[in-house]
Amino acid sequence: MKLFLAAGIVFLTLLSCKKSETKIETTENPDGSVTTTTIETEESSNLDSAKINNTVDKAKDKLNTAGEKIDDAADKAGEKLKEAGEDVKDAAAKGAEKVEKGAEKVKEDLKK
């Protein structure tokens, strides 16, 4: 997310980097009048917006891939925790069964 945000800020900053030049040409007409022409030219910086867009797209792809990997790892961890919980539950049931059998044996011994 931070990488995407940084790339967006750089992209916007570079888009705003334009060089403009204004030329004023004055010409004298054959009838003696003067004509003034203003020519304004804009030139963008040497940076290519297509390259910047490509970089931003690559960053998005990398972030999506990382997100998918995190989701997969979380799913696997959840499955392992579920399995461990079932193992603990089974062990507790077996332990309780052994305690009950031991208690019954003690009761029988006390009756004798």
C-alpha atoms as a PDB file:
ATOM      1  CA  MET A   1       0.000   0.000   0.000  1.00  0.00           C
ATOM      2  CA  LYS A   2       2.820   2.408   0.877  1.00  0.00           C
ATOM      3  CA  LEU A   3       4.606   1.587  -2.372  1.00  0.00           C
ATOM      4  CA  PHE A   4       1.470   2.262  -4.390  1.00  0.00           C
ATOM      5  CA  LEU A   5       0.891   5.564  -2.605  1.00  0.00           C
ATOM      6  CA  ALA A   6       4.496   6.655  -3.143  1.00  0.00           C
ATOM      7  CA  ALA A   7       4.328   5.727  -6.832  1.00  0.00           C
ATOM      8  CA  GLY A   8       1.116   7.749  -7.202  1.00  0.00           C
ATOM      9  CA  ILE A   9       2.672  10.804  -5.584  1.00  0.00           C
ATOM     10  CA  VAL A  10       5.742  10.567  -7.825  1.00  0.00           C
ATOM     11  CA  PHE A  11       3.504  10.156 -10.856  1.00  0.00           C
ATOM     12  CA  LEU A  12       1.459  13.254 -10.034  1.00  0.00           C
ATOM     13  CA  THR A  13       4.573  15.270  -9.291  1.00  0.00           C
ATOM     14  CA  LEU A  14       6.156  14.326 -12.581  1.00  0.00           C
ATOM     15  CA  LEU A  15       3.019  15.119 -14.529  1.00  0.00           C
ATOM     16  CA  SER A  16       3.079  18.633 -13.189  1.00  0.00           C
ATOM     17  CA  CYS A  17       6.661  19.162 -14.378  1.00  0.00           C
ATOM     18  CA  LYS A  18       6.164  20.976 -17.654  1.00  0.00           C
ATOM     19  CA  LYS A  19       8.290  23.572 -19.257  1.00  0.00           C
ATOM     20  CA  SER A  20       6.500  26.344 -21.098  1.00  0.00           C
ATOM     21  CA  GLU A  21       7.987  28.992 -23.288  1.00  0.00           C
ATOM     22  CA  THR A  22       6.325  32.119 -24.613  1.00  0.00           C
ATOM     23  CA  LYS A  23       7.650  33.885 -27.694  1.00  0.00           C
ATOM     24  CA  ILE A  24       6.386  37.192 -28.954  1.00  0.00           C
ATOM     25  CA  GLU A  25       6.993  37.903 -32.628  1.00  0.00           C
ATOM     26  CA  THR A  26       6.506  41.350 -34.037  1.00  0.00           C
ATOM     27  CA  THR A  27       6.219  41.775 -37.787  1.00  0.00           C
ATOM     28  CA  GLU A  28       5.760  44.922 -39.859  1.00  0.00           C
ATOM     29  CA  ASN A  29       3.164  44.671 -42.569  1.00  0.00           C
ATOM     30  CA  PRO A  30       3.619  46.263 -46.013  1.00  0.00           C
ATOM     31  CA  ASP A  31       1.031  48.908 -45.140  1.00  0.00           C
ATOM     32  CA  GLY A  32       3.120  50.067 -42.174  1.00  0.00           C
ATOM     33  CA  SER A  33       1.050  48.434 -39.441  1.00  0.00           C
ATOM     34  CA  VAL A  34       2.655  46.160 -36.867  1.00  0.00           C
ATOM     35  CA  THR A  35       1.340  42.693 -36.026  1.00  0.00           C
ATOM     36  CA  THR A  36       2.284  41.060 -32.751  1.00  0.00           C
ATOM     37  CA  THR A  37       1.953  37.282 -32.442  1.00  0.00           C
ATOM     38  CA  THR A  38       2.322  35.407 -29.171  1.00  0.00           C
ATOM     39  CA  ILE A  39       3.432  31.787 -29.451  1.00  0.00           C
ATOM     40  CA  GLU A  40       3.279  29.627 -26.347  1.00  0.00           C
ATOM     41  CA  THR A  41       4.860  26.203 -26.405  1.00  0.00           C
ATOM     42  CA  GLU A  42       4.704  23.554 -23.701  1.00  0.00           C
ATOM     43  CA  GLU A  43       7.265  20.890 -23.351  1.00  0.00           C
ATOM     44  CA  SER A  44       6.911  18.077 -20.864  1.00  0.00           C
ATOM     45  CA  SER A  45       9.833  16.830 -18.878  1.00  0.00           C
ATOM     46  CA  ASN A  46      12.080  14.070 -20.103  1.00  0.00           C
ATOM     47  CA  LEU A  47      10.065  11.548 -18.131  1.00  0.00           C
ATOM     48  CA  ASP A  48       7.714   9.304 -20.039  1.00  0.00           C
ATOM     49  CA  SER A  49       4.271   8.927 -18.472  1.00  0.00           C
ATOM     50  CA  ALA A  50       3.902   5.501 -20.100  1.00  0.00           C
ATOM     51  CA  LYS A  51       6.952   4.273 -18.176  1.00  0.00           C
ATOM     52  CA  ILE A  52       5.565   5.722 -14.962  1.00  0.00           C
ATOM     53  CA  ASN A  53       2.193   4.047 -15.552  1.00  0.00           C
ATOM     54  CA  ASN A  54       3.990   0.771 -16.258  1.00  0.00           C
ATOM     55  CA  THR A  55       5.911   1.076 -12.991  1.00  0.00           C
ATOM     56  CA  VAL A  56       2.704   1.790 -11.068  1.00  0.00           C
ATOM     57  CA  ASP A  57       1.024  -1.241 -12.691  1.00  0.00           C
ATOM     58  CA  LYS A  58       3.978  -3.449 -11.754  1.00  0.00           C
ATOM     59  CA  ALA A  59       3.783  -2.189  -8.175  1.00  0.00           C
ATOM     60  CA  LYS A  60       0.063  -3.027  -8.084  1.00  0.00           C
ATOM     61  CA  ASP A  61       0.769  -6.536  -9.375  1.00  0.00           C
ATOM     62  CA  LYS A  62       3.466  -7.097  -6.751  1.00  0.00           C
ATOM     63  CA  LEU A  63       1.156  -5.883  -4.004  1.00  0.00           C
ATOM     64  CA  ASN A  64      -1.630  -8.170  -5.198  1.00  0.00           C
ATOM     65  CA  THR A  65       0.753 -11.137  -5.281  1.00  0.00           C
ATOM     66  CA  ALA A  66       1.980 -10.344  -1.764  1.00  0.00           C
ATOM     67  CA  GLY A  67      -1.614 -10.050  -0.548  1.00  0.00           C
ATOM     68  CA  GLU A  68      -2.492 -13.429  -2.040  1.00  0.00           C
ATOM     69  CA  LYS A  69       0.542 -15.017  -0.364  1.00  0.00           C
ATOM     70  CA  ILE A  70      -0.489 -13.547   2.983  1.00  0.00           C
ATOM     71  CA  ASP A  71      -4.037 -14.857   2.538  1.00  0.00           C
ATOM     72  CA  ASP A  72      -2.719 -18.336   1.701  1.00  0.00           C
ATOM     73  CA  ALA A  73      -0.419 -18.336   4.732  1.00  0.00           C
ATOM     74  CA  ALA A  74      -3.293 -17.250   6.982  1.00  0.00           C
ATOM     75  CA  ASP A  75      -5.521 -20.012   5.597  1.00  0.00           C
ATOM     76  CA  LYS A  76      -2.823 -22.637   6.194  1.00  0.00           C
ATOM     77  CA  ALA A  77      -2.197 -21.361   9.715  1.00  0.00           C
ATOM     78  CA  GLY A  78      -5.932 -21.486  10.429  1.00  0.00           C
ATOM     79  CA  GLU A  79      -6.128 -25.095   9.235  1.00  0.00           C
ATOM     80  CA  LYS A  80      -3.154 -26.105  11.393  1.00  0.00           C
ATOM     81  CA  LEU A  81      -4.652 -24.405  14.435  1.00  0.00           C
ATOM     82  CA  LYS A  82      -7.932 -26.213  13.842  1.00  0.00           C
ATOM     83  CA  GLU A  83      -6.100 -29.557  13.605  1.00  0.00           C
ATOM     84  CA  ALA A  84      -4.142 -28.795  16.785  1.00  0.00           C
ATOM     85  CA  GLY A  85      -7.375 -27.899  18.579  1.00  0.00           C
ATOM     86  CA  GLU A  86      -8.927 -31.207  17.540  1.00  0.00           C
ATOM     87  CA  ASP A  87      -5.838 -33.086  18.745  1.00  0.00           C
ATOM     88  CA  VAL A  88      -6.022 -31.349  22.133  1.00  0.00           C
ATOM     89  CA  LYS A  89      -9.741 -32.125  22.367  1.00  0.00           C
ATOM     90  CA  ASP A  90      -9.105 -35.804  21.592  1.00  0.00           C
ATOM     91  CA  ALA A  91      -6.280 -35.986  24.141  1.00  0.00           C
ATOM     92  CA  ALA A  92      -8.475 -34.377  26.812  1.00  0.00           C
ATOM     93  CA  ALA A  93     -11.264 -36.872  26.088  1.00  0.00           C
ATOM     94  CA  LYS A  94      -8.828 -39.796  26.395  1.00  0.00           C
ATOM     95  CA  GLY A  95      -7.420 -38.375  29.639  1.00  0.00           C
ATOM     96  CA  ALA A  96     -10.925 -37.937  31.069  1.00  0.00           C
ATOM     97  CA  GLU A  97     -11.792 -41.509  30.107  1.00  0.00           C
ATOM     98  CA  LYS A  98      -8.691 -42.801  31.918  1.00  0.00           C
ATOM     99  CA  VAL A  99      -9.567 -40.752  35.016  1.00  0.00           C
ATOM    100  CA  GLU A 100     -13.137 -42.175  34.999  1.00  0.00           C
ATOM    101  CA  LYS A 101     -11.832 -45.737  34.687  1.00  0.00           C
ATOM    102  CA  GLY A 102      -9.391 -45.131  37.542  1.00  0.00           C
ATOM    103  CA  ALA A 103     -12.200 -43.683  39.707  1.00  0.00           C
ATOM    104  CA  GLU A 104     -14.419 -46.718  39.017  1.00  0.00           C
ATOM    105  CA  LYS A 105     -11.567 -49.039  39.943  1.00  0.00           C
ATOM    106  CA  VAL A 106     -11.003 -47.159  43.215  1.00  0.00           C
ATOM    107  CA  LYS A 107     -14.751 -47.366  44.000  1.00  0.00           C
ATOM    108  CA  GLU A 108     -14.747 -51.116  43.434  1.00  0.00           C
ATOM    109  CA  ASP A 109     -11.673 -51.518  45.592  1.00  0.00           C
ATOM    110  CA  LEU A 110     -13.304 -49.522  48.383  1.00  0.00           C
ATOM    111  CA  LYS A 111     -16.462 -51.697  48.224  1.00  0.00           C
ATOM    112  CA  LYS A 112     -14.386 -54.803  48.896  1.00  0.00           C
END
